[in-house]
Amino acid sequence: MAGDGVRGQETAVLAGGPADGMRITVADRPAVLQVTRPCVVEVPFGDVRVDGLYVYRRDLRVDEEPLRYGFDPASP
């Protein structure tokens, strides 16, 4: 792994938003994570599913486990 730019798996914690406090395992320290939550559909429409999308961005100031990802309320 040395020199190839690939990191192992690490623990991360999500801060804020709907997944506040959730601990996950990430590989290669992604800059952004997407969390989805199913929405209630009042009238079924075939095989369509609706999910709410939430974005978490890695806090670059944290360089040790657990990594920290903060909720980005401005993201779609």
N, C-alpha and C. Protein backbone atom coordinates (compact mmCIF):
# COMPACT_ATOMS: atom_id res chain seq x y z
N MET A 1 0.81 -1.18 0.00
CA MET A 1 0.00 0.00 0.00
C MET A 1 0.86 1.26 0.00
N ALA A 2 2.02 1.20 0.50
CA ALA A 2 2.86 2.39 0.58
C ALA A 2 3.13 2.95 -0.81
N GLY A 3 2.90 4.26 -0.94
CA GLY A 3 3.21 4.92 -2.19
C GLY A 3 2.14 4.85 -3.26
N ASP A 4 1.10 4.03 -3.07
CA ASP A 4 0.08 3.92 -4.11
C ASP A 4 -1.12 4.84 -3.86
N GLY A 5 -1.12 5.60 -2.76
CA GLY A 5 -2.19 6.55 -2.47
C GLY A 5 -3.45 5.92 -1.92
N VAL A 6 -3.45 4.64 -1.63
CA VAL A 6 -4.62 3.96 -1.11
C VAL A 6 -4.49 3.78 0.40
N ARG A 7 -5.54 4.11 1.12
CA ARG A 7 -5.56 3.94 2.57
C ARG A 7 -6.42 2.74 2.90
N GLY A 8 -6.22 2.21 4.08
CA GLY A 8 -7.06 1.12 4.54
C GLY A 8 -8.41 1.62 5.02
N GLN A 9 -9.15 0.74 5.62
CA GLN A 9 -10.46 1.12 6.16
C GLN A 9 -10.28 1.80 7.50
N GLU A 10 -11.10 2.83 7.72
CA GLU A 10 -11.03 3.61 8.95
C GLU A 10 -12.43 3.89 9.47
N THR A 11 -12.52 4.12 10.76
CA THR A 11 -13.79 4.48 11.38
C THR A 11 -14.03 5.97 11.21
N ALA A 12 -15.27 6.32 10.93
CA ALA A 12 -15.66 7.72 10.80
C ALA A 12 -16.97 7.92 11.55
N VAL A 13 -17.20 9.15 11.99
CA VAL A 13 -18.45 9.49 12.66
C VAL A 13 -19.09 10.65 11.91
N LEU A 14 -20.43 10.57 11.76
CA LEU A 14 -21.17 11.62 11.08
C LEU A 14 -21.70 12.59 12.13
N ALA A 15 -21.58 13.89 11.84
CA ALA A 15 -21.99 14.92 12.79
C ALA A 15 -23.07 15.79 12.19
N GLY A 16 -24.16 15.95 12.91
CA GLY A 16 -25.28 16.77 12.45
C GLY A 16 -26.19 16.03 11.51
N GLY A 17 -27.27 16.70 11.13
CA GLY A 17 -28.20 16.12 10.16
C GLY A 17 -28.90 14.88 10.68
N PRO A 18 -29.54 14.15 9.77
CA PRO A 18 -30.34 13.00 10.17
C PRO A 18 -29.53 11.79 10.66
N ALA A 19 -28.25 11.74 10.34
CA ALA A 19 -27.42 10.60 10.74
C ALA A 19 -26.44 10.98 11.86
N ASP A 20 -26.77 12.02 12.63
CA ASP A 20 -25.88 12.52 13.68
C ASP A 20 -25.47 11.40 14.64
N GLY A 21 -24.16 11.25 14.80
CA GLY A 21 -23.62 10.25 15.72
C GLY A 21 -23.39 8.87 15.11
N MET A 22 -23.84 8.66 13.89
CA MET A 22 -23.66 7.35 13.24
C MET A 22 -22.19 7.10 13.00
N ARG A 23 -21.73 5.90 13.35
CA ARG A 23 -20.35 5.50 13.11
C ARG A 23 -20.34 4.54 11.93
N ILE A 24 -19.41 4.77 11.01
CA ILE A 24 -19.31 3.94 9.81
C ILE A 24 -17.85 3.61 9.55
N THR A 25 -17.62 2.72 8.60
CA THR A 25 -16.27 2.40 8.15
C THR A 25 -16.14 2.89 6.72
N VAL A 26 -15.06 3.65 6.45
CA VAL A 26 -14.82 4.17 5.11
C VAL A 26 -13.46 3.68 4.63
N ALA A 27 -13.30 3.63 3.33
CA ALA A 27 -12.01 3.28 2.73
C ALA A 27 -11.54 4.47 1.90
N ASP A 28 -10.26 4.75 1.95
CA ASP A 28 -9.64 5.79 1.12
C ASP A 28 -10.09 7.21 1.44
N ARG A 29 -10.67 7.45 2.60
CA ARG A 29 -11.03 8.79 3.06
C ARG A 29 -11.78 9.62 2.01
N PRO A 30 -12.97 9.19 1.59
CA PRO A 30 -13.71 9.97 0.60
C PRO A 30 -14.00 11.37 1.13
N ALA A 31 -14.03 12.35 0.24
CA ALA A 31 -14.27 13.73 0.62
C ALA A 31 -15.73 13.97 0.98
N VAL A 32 -16.63 13.23 0.34
CA VAL A 32 -18.07 13.44 0.52
C VAL A 32 -18.75 12.09 0.68
N LEU A 33 -19.74 12.04 1.57
CA LEU A 33 -20.59 10.86 1.74
C LEU A 33 -22.03 11.27 1.51
N GLN A 34 -22.80 10.38 0.93
CA GLN A 34 -24.23 10.61 0.74
C GLN A 34 -24.99 9.65 1.64
N VAL A 35 -25.96 10.18 2.35
CA VAL A 35 -26.85 9.38 3.19
C VAL A 35 -28.25 9.56 2.62
N THR A 36 -28.96 8.48 2.46
CA THR A 36 -30.33 8.58 1.96
C THR A 36 -31.29 8.03 3.00
N ARG A 37 -32.49 8.57 2.97
CA ARG A 37 -33.55 8.08 3.85
C ARG A 37 -34.81 7.99 3.01
N PRO A 38 -35.52 6.85 3.04
CA PRO A 38 -36.72 6.72 2.22
C PRO A 38 -37.80 7.72 2.65
N CYS A 39 -38.50 8.24 1.67
CA CYS A 39 -39.63 9.14 1.91
C CYS A 39 -40.92 8.33 1.76
N VAL A 40 -41.94 8.74 2.48
CA VAL A 40 -43.24 8.09 2.36
C VAL A 40 -43.91 8.59 1.08
N VAL A 41 -44.35 7.65 0.27
CA VAL A 41 -45.05 7.97 -0.97
C VAL A 41 -46.53 7.74 -0.72
N GLU A 42 -47.33 8.81 -0.90
CA GLU A 42 -48.76 8.71 -0.59
C GLU A 42 -49.50 7.84 -1.60
N VAL A 43 -49.14 7.95 -2.86
CA VAL A 43 -49.79 7.15 -3.90
C VAL A 43 -48.70 6.39 -4.65
N PRO A 44 -48.70 5.06 -4.56
CA PRO A 44 -47.67 4.29 -5.27
C PRO A 44 -47.69 4.60 -6.76
N PHE A 45 -46.50 4.68 -7.36
CA PHE A 45 -46.37 5.02 -8.76
C PHE A 45 -45.42 4.03 -9.41
N GLY A 46 -45.91 2.83 -9.64
CA GLY A 46 -45.08 1.79 -10.25
C GLY A 46 -43.93 1.41 -9.34
N ASP A 47 -42.75 1.28 -9.93
CA ASP A 47 -41.56 0.88 -9.17
C ASP A 47 -40.73 2.08 -8.71
N VAL A 48 -41.34 3.26 -8.66
CA VAL A 48 -40.62 4.47 -8.28
C VAL A 48 -40.47 4.53 -6.77
N ARG A 49 -39.29 4.90 -6.35
CA ARG A 49 -38.99 5.08 -4.93
C ARG A 49 -38.44 6.49 -4.76
N VAL A 50 -38.77 7.15 -3.67
CA VAL A 50 -38.29 8.50 -3.40
C VAL A 50 -37.46 8.47 -2.13
N ASP A 51 -36.25 9.01 -2.21
CA ASP A 51 -35.36 9.08 -1.06
C ASP A 51 -34.92 10.52 -0.83
N GLY A 52 -34.81 10.90 0.43
CA GLY A 52 -34.20 12.18 0.77
C GLY A 52 -32.68 11.99 0.73
N LEU A 53 -31.96 12.94 0.17
CA LEU A 53 -30.50 12.85 0.02
C LEU A 53 -29.84 13.86 0.95
N TYR A 54 -28.88 13.39 1.74
CA TYR A 54 -28.15 14.23 2.68
C TYR A 54 -26.67 14.07 2.41
N VAL A 55 -25.95 15.17 2.43
CA VAL A 55 -24.53 15.16 2.10
C VAL A 55 -23.71 15.48 3.35
N TYR A 56 -22.65 14.71 3.54
CA TYR A 56 -21.70 14.92 4.63
C TYR A 56 -20.31 15.10 4.03
N ARG A 57 -19.60 16.13 4.48
CA ARG A 57 -18.26 16.42 3.96
C ARG A 57 -17.22 16.16 5.04
N ARG A 58 -16.09 15.59 4.61
CA ARG A 58 -15.02 15.25 5.57
C ARG A 58 -14.40 16.50 6.14
N ASP A 59 -14.20 16.49 7.44
CA ASP A 59 -13.51 17.58 8.14
C ASP A 59 -12.02 17.34 7.98
N LEU A 60 -11.37 18.15 7.16
CA LEU A 60 -9.95 17.94 6.84
C LEU A 60 -9.03 18.24 8.02
N ARG A 61 -9.56 18.86 9.07
CA ARG A 61 -8.74 19.12 10.26
C ARG A 61 -8.54 17.87 11.10
N VAL A 62 -9.38 16.88 10.90
CA VAL A 62 -9.29 15.62 11.65
C VAL A 62 -8.53 14.62 10.81
N ASP A 63 -7.37 14.19 11.31
CA ASP A 63 -6.51 13.29 10.54
C ASP A 63 -6.33 11.92 11.20
N GLU A 64 -7.01 11.70 12.33
CA GLU A 64 -6.92 10.42 13.04
C GLU A 64 -8.32 9.87 13.25
N GLU A 65 -8.39 8.57 13.50
CA GLU A 65 -9.69 7.94 13.76
C GLU A 65 -10.25 8.39 15.09
N PRO A 66 -11.54 8.55 15.20
CA PRO A 66 -12.47 8.45 14.09
C PRO A 66 -12.42 9.71 13.24
N LEU A 67 -12.45 9.52 11.92
CA LEU A 67 -12.56 10.65 11.01
C LEU A 67 -13.91 11.30 11.27
N ARG A 68 -14.06 12.55 10.86
CA ARG A 68 -15.31 13.26 11.11
C ARG A 68 -15.87 13.79 9.80
N TYR A 69 -17.16 13.55 9.60
CA TYR A 69 -17.89 14.07 8.45
C TYR A 69 -19.03 14.94 8.96
N GLY A 70 -19.07 16.20 8.53
CA GLY A 70 -20.09 17.11 8.98
C GLY A 70 -21.20 17.26 7.96
N PHE A 71 -22.41 17.38 8.45
CA PHE A 71 -23.59 17.56 7.63
C PHE A 71 -23.50 18.88 6.87
N ASP A 72 -23.82 18.86 5.59
CA ASP A 72 -23.82 20.05 4.76
C ASP A 72 -25.26 20.41 4.42
N PRO A 73 -25.87 21.32 5.16
CA PRO A 73 -27.29 21.62 4.94
C PRO A 73 -27.55 22.34 3.62
N ALA A 74 -26.52 22.91 2.99
CA ALA A 74 -26.70 23.62 1.73
C ALA A 74 -26.69 22.71 0.52
N SER A 75 -26.29 21.46 0.71
CA SER A 75 -26.21 20.53 -0.43
C SER A 75 -27.60 20.02 -0.77
N PRO A 76 -27.80 19.73 -2.05
CA PRO A 76 -29.11 19.20 -2.47
C PRO A 76 -29.34 17.81 -1.92
